[in-house]
N, C-alpha and C. Protein backbone atom coordinates (compact mmCIF):
# COMPACT_ATOMS: atom_id res chain seq x y z
N MET A 1 0.85 -1.14 0.10
CA MET A 1 -0.06 0.08 0.00
C MET A 1 0.93 1.25 0.02
N ASP A 2 0.43 2.15 -0.73
CA ASP A 2 1.37 3.38 -0.80
C ASP A 2 0.90 4.56 0.07
N LYS A 3 -0.02 4.20 1.07
CA LYS A 3 -0.37 5.16 2.12
C LYS A 3 -0.27 4.48 3.47
N ALA A 4 -0.24 5.22 4.49
CA ALA A 4 -0.36 4.81 5.73
C ALA A 4 -1.69 4.39 6.13
N ILE A 5 -2.12 3.51 7.06
CA ILE A 5 -3.35 3.12 7.50
C ILE A 5 -3.57 3.67 8.87
N VAL A 6 -4.55 4.56 9.01
CA VAL A 6 -4.85 5.13 10.36
C VAL A 6 -6.12 4.63 10.99
N ILE A 7 -6.14 3.97 11.89
CA ILE A 7 -7.30 3.41 12.61
C ILE A 7 -7.63 4.17 13.87
N LEU A 8 -8.91 4.74 13.85
CA LEU A 8 -9.34 5.60 15.01
C LEU A 8 -10.24 4.60 15.74
N THR A 9 -9.90 4.30 17.07
CA THR A 9 -10.75 3.53 17.83
C THR A 9 -10.35 3.92 19.39
N ASN A 10 -10.98 3.02 20.33
CA ASN A 10 -10.58 3.21 21.70
C ASN A 10 -9.42 2.37 22.20
N PHE A 11 -8.99 2.52 23.28
CA PHE A 11 -7.78 1.81 23.84
C PHE A 11 -8.20 0.39 23.95
N PHE A 12 -9.24 0.02 24.43
CA PHE A 12 -9.66 -1.40 24.71
C PHE A 12 -9.97 -2.11 23.25
N ASP A 13 -10.41 -1.52 22.36
CA ASP A 13 -10.58 -2.16 20.90
C ASP A 13 -9.24 -2.32 20.43
N ALA A 14 -8.24 -1.40 20.53
CA ALA A 14 -6.91 -1.40 20.02
C ALA A 14 -6.29 -2.62 20.61
N GLU A 15 -6.44 -2.92 21.89
CA GLU A 15 -6.01 -4.08 22.55
C GLU A 15 -6.41 -5.27 21.88
N LYS A 16 -7.62 -5.41 21.32
CA LYS A 16 -8.25 -6.53 20.72
C LYS A 16 -7.54 -6.72 19.29
N ILE A 17 -7.54 -5.63 18.59
CA ILE A 17 -6.96 -5.57 17.23
C ILE A 17 -5.55 -6.06 17.21
N ILE A 18 -4.78 -5.45 18.20
CA ILE A 18 -3.37 -5.94 18.27
C ILE A 18 -3.24 -7.28 18.60
N GLY A 19 -4.02 -7.79 19.53
CA GLY A 19 -3.93 -9.23 19.89
C GLY A 19 -4.37 -10.18 18.67
N ASP A 20 -5.33 -9.71 18.02
CA ASP A 20 -5.75 -10.60 16.73
C ASP A 20 -4.69 -10.53 15.57
N ARG A 21 -3.93 -9.32 15.68
CA ARG A 21 -2.95 -9.03 14.50
C ARG A 21 -3.47 -8.94 13.10
N VAL A 22 -4.82 -8.82 13.13
CA VAL A 22 -5.42 -8.45 11.75
C VAL A 22 -6.52 -7.47 12.12
N ILE A 23 -7.17 -6.85 11.14
CA ILE A 23 -8.27 -6.04 11.06
C ILE A 23 -9.03 -6.16 9.89
N LEU A 24 -10.25 -6.44 9.87
CA LEU A 24 -11.09 -6.60 8.68
C LEU A 24 -11.75 -5.18 8.31
N TYR A 25 -11.42 -4.69 7.18
CA TYR A 25 -11.78 -3.43 6.82
C TYR A 25 -12.79 -3.64 5.60
N SER A 26 -13.83 -2.84 5.58
CA SER A 26 -14.97 -3.10 4.70
C SER A 26 -15.17 -2.20 3.51
N ASP A 27 -14.15 -1.48 3.15
CA ASP A 27 -14.37 -0.55 2.13
C ASP A 27 -13.24 -0.32 1.24
N PRO A 28 -12.85 -1.26 0.27
CA PRO A 28 -13.55 -2.55 0.05
C PRO A 28 -13.13 -3.57 1.15
N LEU A 29 -13.92 -4.60 1.19
CA LEU A 29 -13.66 -5.74 2.11
C LEU A 29 -12.26 -6.30 1.92
N GLN A 30 -11.41 -6.14 2.95
CA GLN A 30 -10.19 -6.68 2.84
C GLN A 30 -9.71 -6.89 4.43
N LEU A 31 -8.69 -7.86 4.46
CA LEU A 31 -8.12 -8.21 5.61
C LEU A 31 -6.77 -7.55 5.76
N ILE A 32 -6.42 -6.77 6.76
CA ILE A 32 -5.24 -6.10 6.93
C ILE A 32 -4.52 -6.83 8.05
N LYS A 33 -3.35 -7.28 7.72
CA LYS A 33 -2.60 -7.99 8.72
C LYS A 33 -1.54 -7.01 9.33
N LEU A 34 -1.54 -7.07 10.55
CA LEU A 34 -0.67 -6.07 11.35
C LEU A 34 0.68 -6.57 11.67
N ASP A 35 1.58 -5.97 10.93
CA ASP A 35 3.00 -6.36 11.11
C ASP A 35 3.50 -5.72 12.31
N PRO A 36 4.02 -6.30 13.24
CA PRO A 36 4.43 -5.62 14.63
C PRO A 36 5.63 -4.62 14.20
N GLU A 37 6.24 -4.76 13.20
CA GLU A 37 7.43 -3.93 12.84
C GLU A 37 6.91 -2.56 12.24
N LYS A 38 5.54 -2.66 11.89
CA LYS A 38 4.95 -1.52 11.22
C LYS A 38 3.81 -0.92 11.87
N LEU A 39 3.76 -1.19 13.13
CA LEU A 39 2.52 -0.85 14.06
C LEU A 39 2.97 0.32 15.07
N HIS A 40 2.05 1.32 15.09
CA HIS A 40 2.39 2.31 16.06
C HIS A 40 0.96 2.79 16.69
N VAL A 41 1.05 2.75 18.12
CA VAL A 41 -0.29 3.09 18.86
C VAL A 41 -0.03 4.51 19.49
N LEU A 42 -0.87 5.42 19.33
CA LEU A 42 -0.72 6.68 19.80
C LEU A 42 -2.03 7.21 20.38
N SER A 43 -1.93 7.89 21.38
CA SER A 43 -3.06 8.45 22.08
C SER A 43 -3.54 9.67 21.56
N ILE A 44 -4.78 10.00 21.44
CA ILE A 44 -5.37 11.25 21.04
C ILE A 44 -6.36 11.73 22.17
N ALA A 45 -6.03 11.24 23.31
CA ALA A 45 -6.87 11.58 24.58
C ALA A 45 -6.07 12.28 25.55
N LEU A 46 -6.60 13.04 26.43
CA LEU A 46 -5.83 13.78 27.41
C LEU A 46 -5.30 13.02 28.41
N SER A 47 -5.70 11.69 28.56
CA SER A 47 -5.00 10.91 29.58
C SER A 47 -5.15 9.41 28.77
N HIS A 48 -4.43 8.48 29.42
CA HIS A 48 -4.52 7.11 28.84
C HIS A 48 -4.57 6.12 30.11
N PRO A 49 -5.01 4.99 29.82
CA PRO A 49 -5.20 3.86 30.89
C PRO A 49 -3.90 3.35 31.37
N LYS A 50 -3.89 2.78 32.47
CA LYS A 50 -2.87 1.93 33.11
C LYS A 50 -2.48 0.90 32.20
N PHE A 51 -1.45 0.81 31.52
CA PHE A 51 -1.23 -0.13 30.41
C PHE A 51 -1.00 -1.64 30.96
N ASP A 52 -0.84 -1.82 32.26
CA ASP A 52 -0.63 -3.15 32.77
C ASP A 52 -1.98 -4.06 32.40
N ALA A 53 -3.09 -3.20 32.33
CA ALA A 53 -4.47 -3.97 31.81
C ALA A 53 -4.45 -4.02 30.28
N LEU A 54 -3.61 -3.48 29.59
CA LEU A 54 -3.61 -3.58 28.18
C LEU A 54 -2.24 -3.73 27.67
N PRO A 55 -1.74 -4.95 27.81
CA PRO A 55 -0.36 -5.26 27.49
C PRO A 55 0.01 -5.05 25.92
N ASN A 56 -1.10 -5.44 25.20
CA ASN A 56 -0.82 -5.36 23.68
C ASN A 56 -0.61 -3.87 23.27
N VAL A 57 -1.39 -2.91 23.85
CA VAL A 57 -1.31 -1.62 23.55
C VAL A 57 0.06 -0.95 24.16
N ASN A 58 0.34 -1.49 25.31
CA ASN A 58 1.55 -1.15 26.03
C ASN A 58 2.81 -1.33 25.19
N ASN A 59 2.82 -2.57 24.52
CA ASN A 59 4.04 -2.90 23.68
C ASN A 59 4.25 -2.17 22.49
N PHE A 60 3.23 -1.51 21.95
CA PHE A 60 3.28 -0.59 20.85
C PHE A 60 3.09 0.83 21.05
N PHE A 61 2.77 1.29 22.21
CA PHE A 61 2.50 2.75 22.49
C PHE A 61 3.70 3.51 22.44
N GLU A 62 3.49 4.72 21.68
CA GLU A 62 4.60 5.55 21.44
C GLU A 62 4.42 6.97 22.15
N SER A 63 3.25 7.54 21.90
CA SER A 63 3.19 8.98 22.59
C SER A 63 1.70 9.38 22.35
N ARG A 64 1.59 10.58 22.84
CA ARG A 64 0.27 11.26 22.78
C ARG A 64 0.39 12.30 21.58
N LEU A 65 -0.65 12.42 20.76
CA LEU A 65 -0.58 13.32 19.66
C LEU A 65 -1.51 14.51 20.20
N ASP A 66 -0.89 15.57 20.90
CA ASP A 66 -1.73 16.64 21.52
C ASP A 66 -2.48 17.31 20.46
N PHE A 67 -2.02 17.52 19.26
CA PHE A 67 -2.78 18.40 18.39
C PHE A 67 -4.03 17.76 17.95
N PHE A 68 -4.35 16.39 18.23
CA PHE A 68 -5.63 15.96 18.02
C PHE A 68 -6.57 15.80 19.18
N CYS A 69 -5.97 16.13 20.37
CA CYS A 69 -6.72 16.17 21.65
C CYS A 69 -7.56 17.41 21.72
N PRO A 70 -8.74 17.16 22.27
CA PRO A 70 -9.53 18.31 22.63
C PRO A 70 -8.85 19.06 23.88
N THR A 71 -9.16 20.22 24.22
CA THR A 71 -8.68 20.90 25.31
C THR A 71 -9.32 20.48 26.60
N TYR A 72 -8.75 20.61 27.78
CA TYR A 72 -9.53 20.21 28.96
C TYR A 72 -10.68 21.10 29.16
N ASP A 73 -10.51 22.27 28.97
CA ASP A 73 -11.77 23.29 29.04
C ASP A 73 -13.03 22.69 28.31
N LEU A 74 -12.65 22.38 27.08
CA LEU A 74 -13.70 21.85 25.94
C LEU A 74 -14.38 20.72 26.58
N LEU A 75 -13.54 19.75 27.05
CA LEU A 75 -14.00 18.45 27.61
C LEU A 75 -14.81 18.75 28.86
N LEU A 76 -14.40 19.50 29.65
CA LEU A 76 -15.12 19.77 30.90
C LEU A 76 -16.48 20.50 30.66
N LYS A 77 -16.36 21.37 29.67
CA LYS A 77 -17.71 22.07 29.33
C LYS A 77 -18.79 21.09 28.75
N TYR A 78 -18.31 20.05 27.86
CA TYR A 78 -19.10 19.27 27.28
C TYR A 78 -19.69 18.24 28.43
N LYS A 79 -18.78 17.86 29.33
CA LYS A 79 -19.37 16.96 30.39
C LYS A 79 -20.40 17.60 31.37
N GLU A 80 -20.27 18.89 31.40
CA GLU A 80 -21.15 19.75 32.18
C GLU A 80 -22.59 19.87 31.44
N ASP A 81 -22.51 20.35 30.08
CA ASP A 81 -23.80 20.78 29.51
C ASP A 81 -24.20 19.79 28.44
N ASN A 82 -23.22 18.83 28.04
CA ASN A 82 -23.77 17.72 26.98
C ASN A 82 -24.15 18.53 25.72
N ASP A 83 -23.55 19.79 25.49
CA ASP A 83 -23.97 20.36 24.13
C ASP A 83 -22.97 19.88 23.07
N TRP A 84 -23.40 18.90 22.27
CA TRP A 84 -22.46 18.28 21.30
C TRP A 84 -22.18 19.36 20.13
N ASN A 85 -23.34 20.12 19.72
CA ASN A 85 -23.20 20.96 18.75
C ASN A 85 -22.16 22.07 18.91
N TYR A 86 -22.06 22.54 20.25
CA TYR A 86 -21.08 23.55 20.58
C TYR A 86 -19.66 22.74 20.59
N TYR A 87 -19.58 21.59 21.15
CA TYR A 87 -18.33 20.83 21.10
C TYR A 87 -17.79 20.68 19.64
N VAL A 88 -18.74 20.20 18.79
CA VAL A 88 -18.37 20.04 17.48
C VAL A 88 -17.61 21.40 16.74
N GLU A 89 -18.36 22.45 17.04
CA GLU A 89 -17.94 23.68 16.37
C GLU A 89 -16.49 24.10 17.13
N LYS A 90 -16.36 23.84 18.32
CA LYS A 90 -15.11 24.25 19.00
C LYS A 90 -14.02 23.35 18.60
N TYR A 91 -14.23 22.08 18.67
CA TYR A 91 -13.22 21.12 18.23
C TYR A 91 -12.75 21.36 16.68
N LYS A 92 -13.63 21.61 15.94
CA LYS A 92 -13.29 21.87 14.46
C LYS A 92 -12.37 23.22 14.43
N SER A 93 -12.59 24.19 15.35
CA SER A 93 -11.87 25.27 15.32
C SER A 93 -10.43 24.99 15.84
N ILE A 94 -10.46 24.07 16.91
CA ILE A 94 -9.09 23.71 17.52
C ILE A 94 -8.20 23.03 16.30
N LEU A 95 -8.87 22.18 15.56
CA LEU A 95 -8.16 21.48 14.53
C LEU A 95 -7.58 22.49 13.57
N LYS A 96 -8.44 23.46 13.13
CA LYS A 96 -7.96 24.40 12.30
C LYS A 96 -6.71 25.19 12.71
N GLY A 97 -6.81 25.54 13.89
CA GLY A 97 -5.70 26.16 14.62
C GLY A 97 -4.30 25.37 14.65
N ARG A 98 -4.48 24.01 14.53
CA ARG A 98 -3.43 23.20 14.65
C ARG A 98 -2.98 22.70 13.26
N LYS A 99 -3.53 23.10 12.30
CA LYS A 99 -3.36 22.72 10.88
C LYS A 99 -1.87 22.27 10.54
N GLU A 100 -1.00 23.14 10.70
CA GLU A 100 0.41 23.06 10.43
C GLU A 100 0.98 21.72 11.08
N HIS A 101 0.66 21.53 12.60
CA HIS A 101 1.13 20.45 13.11
C HIS A 101 0.51 19.12 12.61
N ILE A 102 -0.66 19.19 12.21
CA ILE A 102 -1.32 17.96 11.69
C ILE A 102 -0.82 17.75 10.31
N LYS A 103 -0.50 18.62 9.39
CA LYS A 103 0.09 18.52 8.23
C LYS A 103 1.49 17.90 8.23
N GLU A 104 2.20 18.36 9.26
CA GLU A 104 3.54 17.80 9.49
C GLU A 104 3.53 16.31 9.85
N TRP A 105 2.43 16.02 10.68
CA TRP A 105 2.27 14.68 11.10
C TRP A 105 2.08 13.76 9.94
N PHE A 106 1.03 14.12 9.18
CA PHE A 106 0.79 13.37 7.85
C PHE A 106 1.97 13.26 7.00
N GLU A 107 2.86 14.18 6.92
CA GLU A 107 3.91 13.98 6.06
C GLU A 107 4.95 13.03 6.68
N SER A 108 4.87 12.99 7.90
CA SER A 108 5.90 11.98 8.66
C SER A 108 5.45 10.62 8.65
N LEU A 109 4.27 10.30 8.20
CA LEU A 109 3.79 8.97 8.16
C LEU A 109 4.54 8.13 7.18
N ILE A 110 4.75 6.79 7.54
CA ILE A 110 5.33 5.84 6.57
C ILE A 110 4.33 5.04 5.93
N PRO A 111 4.40 5.03 4.50
CA PRO A 111 3.46 4.28 3.85
C PRO A 111 3.56 2.79 4.24
N ASP A 112 2.44 2.09 4.27
CA ASP A 112 2.20 0.54 4.64
C ASP A 112 2.39 0.35 6.19
N HIS A 113 2.56 1.40 7.00
CA HIS A 113 2.56 1.31 8.33
C HIS A 113 1.21 1.64 8.94
N VAL A 114 0.81 1.05 10.07
CA VAL A 114 -0.54 1.19 10.71
C VAL A 114 -0.42 2.01 11.98
N TYR A 115 -1.17 3.00 11.96
CA TYR A 115 -1.20 3.92 13.15
C TYR A 115 -2.51 3.87 13.68
N ILE A 116 -2.47 3.37 14.96
CA ILE A 116 -3.78 3.30 15.75
C ILE A 116 -3.89 4.41 16.75
N LEU A 117 -4.88 5.36 16.52
CA LEU A 117 -5.14 6.43 17.30
C LEU A 117 -6.33 6.14 18.31
N CYS A 118 -5.91 6.23 19.57
CA CYS A 118 -6.78 5.83 20.54
C CYS A 118 -7.34 6.74 21.50
N CYS A 119 -8.54 6.81 21.90
CA CYS A 119 -9.09 7.58 23.06
C CYS A 119 -10.02 6.65 23.74
N TRP A 120 -10.90 7.19 24.70
CA TRP A 120 -11.62 6.37 25.60
C TRP A 120 -12.99 5.91 25.15
N GLU A 121 -13.65 6.71 24.39
CA GLU A 121 -15.12 6.47 24.25
C GLU A 121 -15.39 5.19 23.36
N ASN A 122 -16.42 4.40 23.82
CA ASN A 122 -17.03 3.48 23.16
C ASN A 122 -18.20 4.16 22.48
N THR A 123 -18.24 4.28 21.14
CA THR A 123 -19.30 5.05 20.54
C THR A 123 -20.26 4.06 19.75
N SER A 124 -20.28 2.72 20.19
CA SER A 124 -21.27 1.74 19.57
C SER A 124 -22.61 2.15 20.00
N GLY A 125 -22.93 2.74 21.07
CA GLY A 125 -24.21 3.23 21.35
C GLY A 125 -24.53 4.60 20.87
N LYS A 126 -24.91 5.49 21.82
CA LYS A 126 -25.27 6.95 21.42
C LYS A 126 -24.24 7.88 21.82
N SER A 127 -23.17 7.34 22.38
CA SER A 127 -21.96 8.33 22.77
C SER A 127 -21.38 8.93 21.69
N HIS A 128 -20.94 10.20 21.97
CA HIS A 128 -20.18 11.04 21.05
C HIS A 128 -18.81 11.13 21.31
N CYS A 129 -17.86 11.39 20.46
CA CYS A 129 -16.47 11.30 20.60
C CYS A 129 -15.76 12.18 19.67
N HIS A 130 -14.74 12.77 20.02
CA HIS A 130 -13.91 13.60 19.05
C HIS A 130 -13.35 12.76 18.08
N ARG A 131 -13.21 11.65 18.12
CA ARG A 131 -12.53 10.82 17.08
C ARG A 131 -13.41 10.63 15.98
N GLN A 132 -14.79 10.57 16.24
CA GLN A 132 -15.75 10.70 15.07
C GLN A 132 -15.55 12.07 14.25
N LEU A 133 -15.32 13.12 14.80
CA LEU A 133 -15.04 14.36 14.21
C LEU A 133 -13.77 14.26 13.36
N LEU A 134 -12.74 13.71 14.11
CA LEU A 134 -11.48 13.64 13.47
C LEU A 134 -11.53 12.71 12.25
N HIS A 135 -12.31 11.67 12.35
CA HIS A 135 -12.48 10.78 11.13
C HIS A 135 -13.12 11.56 9.96
N LYS A 136 -14.19 12.25 10.25
CA LYS A 136 -14.94 13.09 9.25
C LYS A 136 -13.93 14.07 8.64
N ALA A 137 -13.04 14.76 9.55
CA ALA A 137 -12.06 15.55 9.03
C ALA A 137 -11.04 15.03 8.04
N PHE A 138 -10.57 13.87 8.46
CA PHE A 138 -9.66 13.19 7.68
C PHE A 138 -10.31 12.77 6.22
N LEU A 139 -11.54 12.31 6.29
CA LEU A 139 -12.23 11.98 4.99
C LEU A 139 -12.51 13.30 4.12
N ALA A 140 -12.53 14.45 4.78
CA ALA A 140 -12.86 15.68 3.98
C ALA A 140 -11.52 16.48 3.57
N SER A 141 -10.35 15.90 4.09
CA SER A 141 -9.09 16.59 3.88
C SER A 141 -8.22 16.13 2.70
N ASP A 142 -7.96 17.00 1.89
CA ASP A 142 -7.18 16.50 0.67
C ASP A 142 -5.79 16.04 1.11
N THR A 143 -5.20 16.84 2.07
CA THR A 143 -3.83 16.38 2.61
C THR A 143 -4.01 15.06 3.20
N ALA A 144 -4.97 14.73 3.97
CA ALA A 144 -5.21 13.45 4.75
C ALA A 144 -5.25 12.25 3.50
N LYS A 145 -6.09 12.58 2.62
CA LYS A 145 -6.25 11.65 1.52
C LYS A 145 -5.05 11.27 0.89
N LYS A 146 -4.16 12.25 0.74
CA LYS A 146 -2.81 11.98 0.09
C LYS A 146 -1.85 10.98 0.81
N TYR A 147 -1.99 11.06 2.04
CA TYR A 147 -1.11 10.16 2.98
C TYR A 147 -1.78 9.04 3.68
N ILE A 148 -3.04 8.98 3.81
CA ILE A 148 -3.61 7.97 4.65
C ILE A 148 -4.88 7.29 4.11
N VAL A 149 -5.11 6.02 4.57
CA VAL A 149 -6.37 5.34 4.45
C VAL A 149 -6.87 5.45 5.89
N THR A 150 -8.13 5.92 6.15
CA THR A 150 -8.61 6.00 7.52
C THR A 150 -9.66 5.02 7.65
N ILE A 151 -9.49 4.32 8.87
CA ILE A 151 -10.70 3.43 9.32
C ILE A 151 -11.14 3.82 10.72
N TYR A 152 -12.48 3.99 10.83
CA TYR A 152 -13.20 4.32 12.02
C TYR A 152 -13.66 3.11 12.68
N ARG A 153 -13.45 2.89 13.91
CA ARG A 153 -14.03 1.74 14.67
C ARG A 153 -14.78 2.37 15.90
N ASN A 154 -15.94 1.93 16.21
CA ASN A 154 -16.74 2.41 17.27
C ASN A 154 -16.43 1.78 18.55
N GLY A 155 -15.47 1.02 18.66
CA GLY A 155 -15.11 0.44 19.97
C GLY A 155 -15.56 -1.07 20.16
N GLU A 156 -16.37 -1.63 19.27
CA GLU A 156 -16.65 -3.08 19.20
C GLU A 156 -15.97 -3.67 18.20
N ARG A 157 -15.64 -4.97 18.44
CA ARG A 157 -14.95 -5.80 17.41
C ARG A 157 -15.99 -5.93 16.20
N VAL A 158 -15.49 -5.70 15.07
CA VAL A 158 -16.23 -5.71 13.71
C VAL A 158 -15.77 -6.89 12.94
N PHE A 159 -16.78 -7.67 12.46
CA PHE A 159 -16.54 -8.75 11.39
C PHE A 159 -17.29 -8.52 10.27
N ALA A 160 -16.79 -8.03 9.20
CA ALA A 160 -17.56 -7.91 7.94
C ALA A 160 -18.82 -7.20 8.00
N ASN A 161 -18.68 -5.83 8.60
CA ASN A 161 -19.70 -5.15 8.86
C ASN A 161 -20.86 -5.44 9.86
N LYS A 162 -20.28 -6.44 10.79
CA LYS A 162 -21.25 -6.96 11.91
C LYS A 162 -20.45 -6.83 13.07
N THR A 163 -21.20 -6.50 14.17
CA THR A 163 -20.40 -6.47 15.48
C THR A 163 -20.38 -7.81 15.90
N LYS A 164 -19.52 -8.13 17.04
CA LYS A 164 -19.32 -9.49 17.55
C LYS A 164 -20.70 -10.05 17.98
N LYS A 165 -21.44 -9.22 18.59
CA LYS A 165 -22.73 -9.64 19.14
C LYS A 165 -23.65 -10.02 18.04
N ASP A 166 -23.80 -9.39 16.88
CA ASP A 166 -24.42 -9.75 15.76
C ASP A 166 -24.06 -11.23 15.35
N SER A 167 -22.74 -11.37 15.20
CA SER A 167 -22.27 -12.64 14.69
C SER A 167 -22.66 -13.83 15.59
N GLU A 168 -22.55 -13.54 16.92
CA GLU A 168 -23.01 -14.54 18.02
C GLU A 168 -24.49 -14.93 17.90
N ASP A 169 -25.37 -13.80 17.49
CA ASP A 169 -26.80 -13.96 17.47
C ASP A 169 -27.14 -14.94 16.28
N GLU A 170 -26.32 -14.94 15.33
CA GLU A 170 -26.62 -15.70 14.15
C GLU A 170 -26.42 -17.26 14.44
N GLU A 171 -25.54 -17.50 15.38
CA GLU A 171 -25.07 -18.82 15.56
C GLU A 171 -26.10 -19.77 16.21
């Protein structure tokens, strides 16, 4: 592949992905094998879990990408008022202000490597998360399209467009 693969998910899903050493990507349907020599785990959250509970993540964790993190003030305000529209507007503004750092990061990515960007939220229900916004921003960005293929995961293990629960229900 001539681009880097960027997977947006939560820390716990990343643990599963790394343990399985593969990810099923559905656009188009393909199996991506994770080569440990080409795997990078990065946080896009203001904090990260204690990695003794997530040994696979710990083995590949590199650093936090501050330019993708929301601010503490924005996160606290959202937790207080649950105003997602305000959060969306402010987070997009934050990303615009960090545009040069983000562009430099894209340019630093190594084609055929997999970068797992992690935060906390499981968005398989009705929860919102900044990684949803980041994924949309990547899809809309000509710069991102030049350097990456982006995969969004809601926090549940996915098998060919089905959640693990859906697959179990069919058995």
